[in-house]
Amino acid sequence: MTRALDGTTVAAVTAGHVPYLFFVQLDFSQPLRVCSAGYNIDWNGVTWLGLGSLGSIDPIQEQASLEATGVRLTLTGVPTEYVAIMLAEQYQGRPCQIWFAPLREDLQLGVAPIRMFSGRMDVPAIDVGETASITVSAESKMVAWDRPKTRRYNHEDQIGRYPGDLGFIYTSQMVEKQLVWGR
């Protein structure tokens, strides 16, 4: 997949020495937003918790064909309140995003971070010791593209998705309805 990058981003990435960091967002009931900086960074209207080192991110691969890809990442030094959330709730299938951000020489954001991966989380492995280590696998959204959609175009399904929407209230009456044309 080709990406459109502006001139400033191209110059920042192709420089001789490129300091960089990663942003990772895992959408639990309380989103976990961390970055690989040793300090907190404000970006995109929120404060990203600086872990200093994220742990590891497996190489992110893109395919030119319609093929699902995934990524595996390990986060270390995660605050205990997020470990408690991960142990208590069901979040398989929730969004996971990873951004790459080249930095200026003063180690601040010089250009907008580039989204490297967007997908859905799978069941993690959690190792709790002195610090917590979380290993999460995530799959791209292409994993579900060939799954059948279980959408029923009836009133009950519409109310389940959009409470108060009466757009399909008369569809059950229309099944056996005879319409007379041309009078």
N, C-alpha and C. Protein backbone atom coordinates (compact mmCIF):
# COMPACT_ATOMS: atom_id res chain seq x y z
N MET A 1 0.85 -1.17 0.00
CA MET A 1 0.00 0.00 0.00
C MET A 1 0.89 1.23 0.00
N THR A 2 0.61 2.15 -0.86
CA THR A 2 1.40 3.37 -0.90
C THR A 2 0.82 4.37 0.09
N ARG A 3 1.69 5.18 0.62
CA ARG A 3 1.28 6.20 1.59
C ARG A 3 1.67 7.56 1.04
N ALA A 4 0.79 8.51 1.20
CA ALA A 4 1.07 9.88 0.80
C ALA A 4 1.75 10.59 1.97
N LEU A 5 2.99 10.99 1.80
CA LEU A 5 3.72 11.71 2.83
C LEU A 5 4.06 13.10 2.32
N ASP A 6 3.91 14.09 3.17
CA ASP A 6 4.28 15.44 2.75
C ASP A 6 5.80 15.60 2.78
N GLY A 7 6.29 16.67 2.20
CA GLY A 7 7.73 16.90 2.08
C GLY A 7 8.45 16.98 3.41
N THR A 8 7.82 17.56 4.42
CA THR A 8 8.45 17.67 5.73
C THR A 8 8.67 16.29 6.36
N THR A 9 7.69 15.41 6.22
CA THR A 9 7.81 14.06 6.76
C THR A 9 8.88 13.28 6.03
N VAL A 10 8.93 13.38 4.71
CA VAL A 10 9.96 12.69 3.93
C VAL A 10 11.34 13.16 4.35
N ALA A 11 11.52 14.47 4.52
CA ALA A 11 12.81 15.01 4.93
C ALA A 11 13.18 14.51 6.33
N ALA A 12 12.20 14.43 7.24
CA ALA A 12 12.48 13.99 8.60
C ALA A 12 12.88 12.52 8.64
N VAL A 13 12.26 11.70 7.81
CA VAL A 13 12.53 10.26 7.81
C VAL A 13 13.83 9.92 7.09
N THR A 14 14.20 10.70 6.09
CA THR A 14 15.40 10.39 5.29
C THR A 14 16.64 11.12 5.77
N ALA A 15 16.58 11.79 6.89
CA ALA A 15 17.75 12.49 7.42
C ALA A 15 18.81 11.47 7.86
N GLY A 16 20.03 11.96 8.07
CA GLY A 16 21.14 11.09 8.45
C GLY A 16 20.91 10.36 9.76
N HIS A 17 20.46 11.07 10.77
CA HIS A 17 20.16 10.46 12.07
C HIS A 17 18.72 10.83 12.42
N VAL A 18 17.89 9.83 12.62
CA VAL A 18 16.47 10.09 12.87
C VAL A 18 16.08 9.57 14.25
N PRO A 19 15.99 10.45 15.24
CA PRO A 19 15.42 9.99 16.51
C PRO A 19 13.91 9.77 16.29
N TYR A 20 13.37 8.76 16.92
CA TYR A 20 11.96 8.44 16.69
C TYR A 20 11.35 7.83 17.94
N LEU A 21 10.05 7.71 17.91
CA LEU A 21 9.34 6.99 18.95
C LEU A 21 8.09 6.37 18.37
N PHE A 22 7.50 5.48 19.14
CA PHE A 22 6.26 4.82 18.74
C PHE A 22 5.15 5.22 19.70
N PHE A 23 3.95 5.38 19.16
CA PHE A 23 2.75 5.56 19.95
C PHE A 23 1.93 4.28 19.80
N VAL A 24 1.38 3.77 20.90
CA VAL A 24 0.52 2.59 20.86
C VAL A 24 -0.74 2.90 21.64
N GLN A 25 -1.89 2.62 21.01
CA GLN A 25 -3.17 2.80 21.68
C GLN A 25 -3.92 1.47 21.65
N LEU A 26 -4.29 0.98 22.84
CA LEU A 26 -5.09 -0.22 23.00
C LEU A 26 -6.41 0.20 23.62
N ASP A 27 -7.51 -0.05 22.93
CA ASP A 27 -8.80 0.45 23.38
C ASP A 27 -9.51 -0.53 24.32
N PHE A 28 -9.21 -0.39 25.61
CA PHE A 28 -9.95 -1.09 26.64
C PHE A 28 -11.10 -0.18 27.04
N SER A 29 -11.81 -0.49 28.14
CA SER A 29 -12.86 0.42 28.60
C SER A 29 -12.26 1.78 28.93
N GLN A 30 -11.01 1.78 29.39
CA GLN A 30 -10.23 3.00 29.58
C GLN A 30 -9.02 2.86 28.65
N PRO A 31 -8.98 3.61 27.53
CA PRO A 31 -7.91 3.39 26.55
C PRO A 31 -6.50 3.54 27.15
N LEU A 32 -5.63 2.59 26.79
CA LEU A 32 -4.23 2.64 27.19
C LEU A 32 -3.47 3.31 26.06
N ARG A 33 -2.90 4.48 26.35
CA ARG A 33 -2.13 5.24 25.37
C ARG A 33 -0.72 5.40 25.90
N VAL A 34 0.24 4.73 25.26
CA VAL A 34 1.63 4.77 25.71
C VAL A 34 2.53 5.15 24.54
N CYS A 35 3.73 5.62 24.88
CA CYS A 35 4.73 5.92 23.85
C CYS A 35 6.09 5.46 24.35
N SER A 36 7.02 5.36 23.43
CA SER A 36 8.34 4.84 23.77
C SER A 36 9.29 5.92 24.28
N ALA A 37 8.79 7.11 24.52
CA ALA A 37 9.63 8.18 25.08
C ALA A 37 9.79 7.95 26.58
N GLY A 38 10.80 8.55 27.16
CA GLY A 38 11.02 8.45 28.60
C GLY A 38 10.23 9.49 29.37
N TYR A 39 9.35 10.19 28.72
CA TYR A 39 8.55 11.25 29.32
C TYR A 39 7.19 11.27 28.64
N ASN A 40 6.19 11.84 29.29
CA ASN A 40 4.86 11.93 28.71
C ASN A 40 4.85 12.93 27.57
N ILE A 41 4.06 12.64 26.54
CA ILE A 41 3.96 13.52 25.37
C ILE A 41 2.50 13.83 25.11
N ASP A 42 2.20 15.10 24.85
CA ASP A 42 0.86 15.52 24.45
C ASP A 42 0.79 15.49 22.94
N TRP A 43 -0.12 14.69 22.42
CA TRP A 43 -0.34 14.60 20.97
C TRP A 43 -1.77 14.18 20.72
N ASN A 44 -2.35 14.74 19.72
CA ASN A 44 -3.69 14.39 19.27
C ASN A 44 -4.74 14.64 20.36
N GLY A 45 -4.50 15.66 21.18
CA GLY A 45 -5.46 16.05 22.20
C GLY A 45 -5.43 15.24 23.48
N VAL A 46 -4.50 14.30 23.61
CA VAL A 46 -4.39 13.50 24.83
C VAL A 46 -2.93 13.40 25.25
N THR A 47 -2.72 13.01 26.51
CA THR A 47 -1.36 12.81 27.01
C THR A 47 -1.03 11.32 26.92
N TRP A 48 0.08 11.01 26.26
CA TRP A 48 0.54 9.64 26.08
C TRP A 48 1.58 9.34 27.15
N LEU A 49 1.39 8.26 27.87
CA LEU A 49 2.26 7.87 28.96
C LEU A 49 3.60 7.39 28.40
N GLY A 50 4.68 8.03 28.81
CA GLY A 50 6.00 7.65 28.35
C GLY A 50 6.55 6.50 29.18
N LEU A 51 6.72 5.34 28.57
CA LEU A 51 7.23 4.16 29.28
C LEU A 51 8.74 4.06 29.19
N GLY A 52 9.36 4.84 28.33
CA GLY A 52 10.81 4.76 28.15
C GLY A 52 11.19 3.71 27.13
N SER A 53 10.61 2.55 27.26
CA SER A 53 10.79 1.47 26.30
C SER A 53 9.49 0.69 26.27
N LEU A 54 8.96 0.49 25.08
CA LEU A 54 7.71 -0.24 24.99
C LEU A 54 7.90 -1.73 25.21
N GLY A 55 9.08 -2.21 25.05
CA GLY A 55 9.32 -3.64 25.06
C GLY A 55 9.76 -4.03 23.67
N SER A 56 8.83 -4.55 22.88
CA SER A 56 9.18 -4.89 21.50
C SER A 56 7.94 -4.86 20.63
N ILE A 57 8.17 -4.57 19.36
CA ILE A 57 7.12 -4.62 18.35
C ILE A 57 7.69 -5.44 17.20
N ASP A 58 7.02 -6.53 16.86
CA ASP A 58 7.46 -7.34 15.72
C ASP A 58 7.36 -6.51 14.45
N PRO A 59 8.14 -6.85 13.43
CA PRO A 59 8.06 -6.09 12.17
C PRO A 59 6.64 -6.04 11.62
N ILE A 60 6.24 -4.85 11.21
CA ILE A 60 4.90 -4.65 10.65
C ILE A 60 5.02 -4.80 9.14
N GLN A 61 4.25 -5.72 8.60
CA GLN A 61 4.33 -5.99 7.17
C GLN A 61 3.04 -5.58 6.49
N GLU A 62 3.19 -5.08 5.28
CA GLU A 62 2.04 -4.73 4.46
C GLU A 62 2.09 -5.56 3.20
N GLN A 63 0.93 -5.94 2.71
CA GLN A 63 0.83 -6.74 1.51
C GLN A 63 0.17 -5.93 0.41
N ALA A 64 0.61 -6.14 -0.81
CA ALA A 64 -0.02 -5.48 -1.95
C ALA A 64 -1.34 -6.17 -2.30
N SER A 65 -1.45 -7.46 -1.96
CA SER A 65 -2.67 -8.20 -2.24
C SER A 65 -3.63 -8.10 -1.06
N LEU A 66 -4.84 -8.60 -1.26
CA LEU A 66 -5.82 -8.61 -0.18
C LEU A 66 -5.49 -9.76 0.77
N GLU A 67 -4.66 -9.47 1.72
CA GLU A 67 -4.18 -10.48 2.64
C GLU A 67 -4.12 -9.88 4.04
N ALA A 68 -4.59 -10.65 5.00
CA ALA A 68 -4.58 -10.18 6.38
C ALA A 68 -3.18 -10.34 6.98
N THR A 69 -2.74 -9.31 7.68
CA THR A 69 -1.46 -9.36 8.37
C THR A 69 -1.69 -9.03 9.84
N GLY A 70 -0.75 -9.37 10.65
CA GLY A 70 -0.87 -9.10 12.07
C GLY A 70 0.42 -8.57 12.64
N VAL A 71 0.39 -8.22 13.89
CA VAL A 71 1.57 -7.73 14.59
C VAL A 71 1.49 -8.24 16.03
N ARG A 72 2.64 -8.43 16.61
CA ARG A 72 2.73 -8.86 18.01
C ARG A 72 3.58 -7.82 18.73
N LEU A 73 3.07 -7.31 19.84
CA LEU A 73 3.83 -6.31 20.57
C LEU A 73 3.84 -6.66 22.06
N THR A 74 4.95 -6.33 22.69
CA THR A 74 5.11 -6.56 24.12
C THR A 74 5.32 -5.21 24.79
N LEU A 75 4.47 -4.92 25.75
CA LEU A 75 4.56 -3.68 26.52
C LEU A 75 5.09 -4.01 27.90
N THR A 76 6.12 -3.29 28.33
CA THR A 76 6.67 -3.50 29.68
C THR A 76 6.48 -2.22 30.49
N GLY A 77 6.39 -2.36 31.78
CA GLY A 77 6.23 -1.19 32.65
C GLY A 77 4.84 -0.62 32.62
N VAL A 78 3.84 -1.43 32.31
CA VAL A 78 2.45 -0.96 32.23
C VAL A 78 1.91 -0.72 33.63
N PRO A 79 1.24 0.41 33.86
CA PRO A 79 0.68 0.69 35.19
C PRO A 79 -0.30 -0.41 35.63
N THR A 80 -0.32 -0.67 36.93
CA THR A 80 -1.12 -1.78 37.47
C THR A 80 -2.62 -1.62 37.22
N GLU A 81 -3.13 -0.38 37.15
CA GLU A 81 -4.57 -0.22 36.92
C GLU A 81 -4.98 -0.76 35.56
N TYR A 82 -4.09 -0.70 34.56
CA TYR A 82 -4.39 -1.25 33.25
C TYR A 82 -4.31 -2.78 33.25
N VAL A 83 -3.41 -3.32 34.04
CA VAL A 83 -3.34 -4.78 34.18
C VAL A 83 -4.64 -5.29 34.79
N ALA A 84 -5.16 -4.58 35.79
CA ALA A 84 -6.43 -4.96 36.41
C ALA A 84 -7.57 -4.91 35.40
N ILE A 85 -7.58 -3.89 34.55
CA ILE A 85 -8.61 -3.78 33.51
C ILE A 85 -8.51 -4.95 32.55
N MET A 86 -7.30 -5.28 32.14
CA MET A 86 -7.12 -6.37 31.18
C MET A 86 -7.54 -7.71 31.75
N LEU A 87 -7.33 -7.92 33.04
CA LEU A 87 -7.72 -9.17 33.66
C LEU A 87 -9.23 -9.25 33.90
N ALA A 88 -9.89 -8.11 34.02
CA ALA A 88 -11.30 -8.09 34.40
C ALA A 88 -12.28 -8.03 33.23
N GLU A 89 -11.87 -7.57 32.08
CA GLU A 89 -12.86 -7.36 31.02
C GLU A 89 -12.53 -8.13 29.75
N GLN A 90 -13.55 -8.24 28.91
CA GLN A 90 -13.43 -8.89 27.61
C GLN A 90 -13.15 -7.81 26.57
N TYR A 91 -12.04 -7.90 25.90
CA TYR A 91 -11.69 -6.86 24.94
C TYR A 91 -11.21 -7.43 23.62
N GLN A 92 -11.29 -8.73 23.43
CA GLN A 92 -10.89 -9.32 22.16
C GLN A 92 -11.72 -8.70 21.04
N GLY A 93 -11.04 -8.26 20.00
CA GLY A 93 -11.72 -7.61 18.88
C GLY A 93 -11.76 -6.10 18.96
N ARG A 94 -11.27 -5.53 20.05
CA ARG A 94 -11.25 -4.07 20.16
C ARG A 94 -10.05 -3.49 19.42
N PRO A 95 -10.11 -2.21 19.06
CA PRO A 95 -9.05 -1.60 18.25
C PRO A 95 -7.68 -1.52 18.90
N CYS A 96 -6.65 -1.64 18.05
CA CYS A 96 -5.25 -1.50 18.42
C CYS A 96 -4.60 -0.68 17.30
N GLN A 97 -3.88 0.38 17.67
CA GLN A 97 -3.23 1.23 16.67
C GLN A 97 -1.79 1.51 17.08
N ILE A 98 -0.92 1.58 16.06
CA ILE A 98 0.49 1.87 16.29
C ILE A 98 0.91 2.98 15.33
N TRP A 99 1.57 4.02 15.87
CA TRP A 99 2.09 5.12 15.05
C TRP A 99 3.60 5.21 15.19
N PHE A 100 4.25 5.64 14.14
CA PHE A 100 5.69 5.92 14.13
C PHE A 100 5.86 7.43 14.02
N ALA A 101 6.72 8.01 14.86
CA ALA A 101 6.88 9.46 14.87
C ALA A 101 8.36 9.84 14.83
N PRO A 102 8.83 10.40 13.70
CA PRO A 102 10.19 10.94 13.70
C PRO A 102 10.23 12.20 14.56
N LEU A 103 11.33 12.41 15.25
CA LEU A 103 11.47 13.56 16.15
C LEU A 103 12.49 14.56 15.61
N ARG A 104 12.37 15.78 16.08
CA ARG A 104 13.38 16.80 15.79
C ARG A 104 14.60 16.54 16.67
N GLU A 105 15.64 17.34 16.49
CA GLU A 105 16.85 17.17 17.29
C GLU A 105 16.62 17.45 18.77
N ASP A 106 15.62 18.28 19.10
CA ASP A 106 15.31 18.55 20.51
C ASP A 106 14.36 17.50 21.10
N LEU A 107 14.16 16.39 20.38
CA LEU A 107 13.35 15.26 20.79
C LEU A 107 11.88 15.59 20.99
N GLN A 108 11.38 16.52 20.21
CA GLN A 108 9.96 16.86 20.19
C GLN A 108 9.39 16.47 18.82
N LEU A 109 8.07 16.33 18.75
CA LEU A 109 7.44 15.98 17.48
C LEU A 109 7.66 17.09 16.45
N GLY A 110 8.21 16.72 15.32
CA GLY A 110 8.43 17.70 14.26
C GLY A 110 7.36 17.61 13.19
N VAL A 111 6.84 16.40 12.97
CA VAL A 111 5.79 16.15 11.98
C VAL A 111 4.73 15.26 12.61
N ALA A 112 3.61 15.15 11.95
CA ALA A 112 2.54 14.30 12.45
C ALA A 112 2.97 12.83 12.39
N PRO A 113 2.72 12.06 13.43
CA PRO A 113 3.06 10.64 13.41
C PRO A 113 2.35 9.90 12.27
N ILE A 114 2.97 8.84 11.81
CA ILE A 114 2.46 8.05 10.69
C ILE A 114 1.85 6.78 11.25
N ARG A 115 0.58 6.52 10.92
CA ARG A 115 -0.04 5.29 11.41
C ARG A 115 0.55 4.10 10.66
N MET A 116 1.16 3.19 11.42
CA MET A 116 1.80 2.01 10.84
C MET A 116 0.89 0.79 10.87
N PHE A 117 -0.02 0.73 11.83
CA PHE A 117 -0.89 -0.43 11.95
C PHE A 117 -2.20 -0.04 12.60
N SER A 118 -3.27 -0.61 12.10
CA SER A 118 -4.58 -0.46 12.70
C SER A 118 -5.28 -1.80 12.59
N GLY A 119 -5.67 -2.35 13.71
CA GLY A 119 -6.30 -3.67 13.68
C GLY A 119 -7.08 -3.94 14.94
N ARG A 120 -7.29 -5.22 15.22
CA ARG A 120 -8.07 -5.66 16.36
C ARG A 120 -7.25 -6.56 17.27
N MET A 121 -7.39 -6.37 18.59
CA MET A 121 -6.61 -7.14 19.56
C MET A 121 -7.14 -8.56 19.69
N ASP A 122 -6.20 -9.45 20.02
CA ASP A 122 -6.52 -10.83 20.35
C ASP A 122 -6.25 -11.02 21.84
N VAL A 123 -6.39 -12.21 22.34
CA VAL A 123 -6.17 -12.49 23.75
C VAL A 123 -4.69 -12.30 24.09
N PRO A 124 -4.36 -11.55 25.15
CA PRO A 124 -2.96 -11.30 25.49
C PRO A 124 -2.39 -12.32 26.47
N ALA A 125 -1.08 -12.26 26.59
CA ALA A 125 -0.38 -13.00 27.64
C ALA A 125 0.12 -11.95 28.62
N ILE A 126 -0.21 -12.11 29.89
CA ILE A 126 0.16 -11.14 30.91
C ILE A 126 1.12 -11.79 31.90
N ASP A 127 2.26 -11.14 32.14
CA ASP A 127 3.25 -11.62 33.09
C ASP A 127 3.42 -10.54 34.15
N VAL A 128 2.97 -10.84 35.36
CA VAL A 128 3.04 -9.85 36.44
C VAL A 128 4.13 -10.27 37.42
N GLY A 129 5.10 -9.38 37.59
CA GLY A 129 6.17 -9.57 38.55
C GLY A 129 6.37 -8.25 39.26
N GLU A 130 7.62 -7.80 39.34
CA GLU A 130 7.87 -6.46 39.88
C GLU A 130 7.25 -5.41 38.98
N THR A 131 7.33 -5.65 37.68
CA THR A 131 6.63 -4.81 36.72
C THR A 131 5.78 -5.72 35.84
N ALA A 132 4.77 -5.16 35.20
CA ALA A 132 3.89 -5.95 34.35
C ALA A 132 4.40 -5.96 32.92
N SER A 133 4.28 -7.10 32.29
CA SER A 133 4.63 -7.24 30.88
C SER A 133 3.43 -7.84 30.17
N ILE A 134 2.98 -7.18 29.12
CA ILE A 134 1.79 -7.61 28.39
C ILE A 134 2.19 -7.87 26.94
N THR A 135 1.88 -9.05 26.44
CA THR A 135 2.13 -9.38 25.04
C THR A 135 0.78 -9.48 24.35
N VAL A 136 0.57 -8.64 23.34
CA VAL A 136 -0.70 -8.58 22.63
C VAL A 136 -0.46 -8.91 21.17
N SER A 137 -1.29 -9.78 20.63
CA SER A 137 -1.31 -10.03 19.19
C SER A 137 -2.49 -9.27 18.63
N ALA A 138 -2.30 -8.69 17.47
CA ALA A 138 -3.39 -7.95 16.82
C ALA A 138 -3.41 -8.33 15.36
N GLU A 139 -4.59 -8.41 14.81
CA GLU A 139 -4.79 -8.75 13.40
C GLU A 139 -5.37 -7.55 12.68
N SER A 140 -5.01 -7.42 11.41
CA SER A 140 -5.56 -6.32 10.63
C SER A 140 -7.05 -6.54 10.41
N LYS A 141 -7.73 -5.52 10.00
CA LYS A 141 -9.17 -5.59 9.79
C LYS A 141 -9.52 -6.50 8.61
N MET A 142 -8.52 -6.83 7.79
CA MET A 142 -8.76 -7.71 6.65
C MET A 142 -9.09 -9.14 7.08
N VAL A 143 -8.83 -9.51 8.33
CA VAL A 143 -9.14 -10.85 8.80
C VAL A 143 -10.63 -11.13 8.65
N ALA A 144 -11.46 -10.13 8.87
CA ALA A 144 -12.91 -10.33 8.87
C ALA A 144 -13.57 -10.02 7.53
N TRP A 145 -12.84 -9.72 6.50
CA TRP A 145 -13.48 -9.26 5.27
C TRP A 145 -14.28 -10.34 4.58
N ASP A 146 -13.93 -11.61 4.73
CA ASP A 146 -14.67 -12.67 4.06
C ASP A 146 -15.67 -13.38 4.98
N ARG A 147 -15.80 -12.92 6.22
CA ARG A 147 -16.80 -13.49 7.12
C ARG A 147 -18.19 -12.98 6.73
N PRO A 148 -19.17 -13.85 6.82
CA PRO A 148 -20.53 -13.40 6.49
C PRO A 148 -21.02 -12.38 7.51
N LYS A 149 -21.75 -11.42 7.03
CA LYS A 149 -22.33 -10.39 7.90
C LYS A 149 -23.66 -10.92 8.43
N THR A 150 -23.88 -10.80 9.70
CA THR A 150 -25.11 -11.32 10.30
C THR A 150 -26.11 -10.21 10.52
N ARG A 151 -26.21 -9.33 9.58
CA ARG A 151 -27.15 -8.21 9.69
C ARG A 151 -28.49 -8.63 9.11
N ARG A 152 -29.55 -8.46 9.87
CA ARG A 152 -30.91 -8.70 9.42
C ARG A 152 -31.52 -7.32 9.23
N TYR A 153 -32.06 -7.09 8.09
CA TYR A 153 -32.64 -5.77 7.84
C TYR A 153 -34.10 -5.79 8.28
N ASN A 154 -34.28 -5.81 9.62
CA ASN A 154 -35.62 -5.77 10.20
C ASN A 154 -35.62 -4.79 11.37
N HIS A 155 -36.80 -4.60 11.93
CA HIS A 155 -36.96 -3.61 13.00
C HIS A 155 -36.14 -3.96 14.24
N GLU A 156 -36.14 -5.23 14.64
CA GLU A 156 -35.44 -5.63 15.86
C GLU A 156 -33.93 -5.43 15.74
N ASP A 157 -33.37 -5.77 14.60
CA ASP A 157 -31.93 -5.59 14.39
C ASP A 157 -31.57 -4.11 14.39
N GLN A 158 -32.41 -3.30 13.77
CA GLN A 158 -32.13 -1.86 13.71
C GLN A 158 -32.19 -1.23 15.11
N ILE A 159 -33.16 -1.63 15.91
CA ILE A 159 -33.28 -1.11 17.28
C ILE A 159 -32.09 -1.57 18.12
N GLY A 160 -31.63 -2.80 17.88
CA GLY A 160 -30.46 -3.30 18.61
C GLY A 160 -29.21 -2.50 18.32
N ARG A 161 -29.05 -2.05 17.08
CA ARG A 161 -27.87 -1.27 16.71
C ARG A 161 -28.04 0.21 17.01
N TYR A 162 -29.23 0.74 16.73
CA TYR A 162 -29.50 2.18 16.89
C TYR A 162 -30.80 2.36 17.66
N PRO A 163 -30.76 2.34 18.99
CA PRO A 163 -31.99 2.48 19.78
C PRO A 163 -32.75 3.75 19.42
N GLY A 164 -34.04 3.59 19.24
CA GLY A 164 -34.89 4.73 18.91
C GLY A 164 -35.08 4.96 17.42
N ASP A 165 -34.31 4.28 16.56
CA ASP A 165 -34.44 4.45 15.12
C ASP A 165 -35.57 3.57 14.61
N LEU A 166 -36.59 4.19 14.03
CA LEU A 166 -37.77 3.46 13.56
C LEU A 166 -37.77 3.27 12.04
N GLY A 167 -36.62 3.32 11.42
CA GLY A 167 -36.53 3.23 9.96
C GLY A 167 -36.99 1.91 9.38
N PHE A 168 -36.98 0.82 10.13
CA PHE A 168 -37.38 -0.49 9.62
C PHE A 168 -38.66 -1.01 10.28
N ILE A 169 -39.45 -0.12 10.88
CA ILE A 169 -40.61 -0.56 11.64
C ILE A 169 -41.66 -1.26 10.78
N TYR A 170 -41.78 -0.93 9.51
CA TYR A 170 -42.81 -1.51 8.66
C TYR A 170 -42.30 -2.61 7.73
N THR A 171 -41.05 -3.01 7.86
CA THR A 171 -40.52 -4.01 6.92
C THR A 171 -41.20 -5.36 7.04
N SER A 172 -41.60 -5.79 8.24
CA SER A 172 -42.27 -7.10 8.37
C SER A 172 -43.63 -7.09 7.69
N GLN A 173 -44.30 -5.96 7.61
CA GLN A 173 -45.59 -5.86 6.94
C GLN A 173 -45.44 -5.91 5.43
N MET A 174 -44.28 -5.58 4.92
CA MET A 174 -44.07 -5.50 3.48
C MET A 174 -43.74 -6.85 2.84
N VAL A 175 -43.49 -7.89 3.63
CA VAL A 175 -43.08 -9.18 3.09
C VAL A 175 -44.15 -9.76 2.18
N GLU A 176 -45.40 -9.84 2.61
CA GLU A 176 -46.48 -10.44 1.83
C GLU A 176 -47.43 -9.40 1.25
N LYS A 177 -47.04 -8.18 1.26
CA LYS A 177 -47.90 -7.08 0.79
C LYS A 177 -48.02 -7.11 -0.73
N GLN A 178 -49.25 -7.05 -1.24
CA GLN A 178 -49.45 -6.96 -2.68
C GLN A 178 -49.63 -5.50 -3.05
N LEU A 179 -48.84 -5.07 -4.00
CA LEU A 179 -48.91 -3.67 -4.46
C LEU A 179 -49.56 -3.64 -5.83
N VAL A 180 -50.46 -2.72 -6.00
CA VAL A 180 -51.16 -2.57 -7.27
C VAL A 180 -50.60 -1.34 -7.95
N TRP A 181 -50.10 -1.53 -9.16
CA TRP A 181 -49.48 -0.43 -9.90
C TRP A 181 -50.40 0.03 -11.02
N GLY A 182 -50.37 1.26 -11.33
CA GLY A 182 -51.02 1.81 -12.52
C GLY A 182 -52.44 2.25 -12.35
N ARG A 183 -52.92 2.49 -11.19
CA ARG A 183 -54.29 2.98 -11.03
C ARG A 183 -54.32 4.44 -10.76
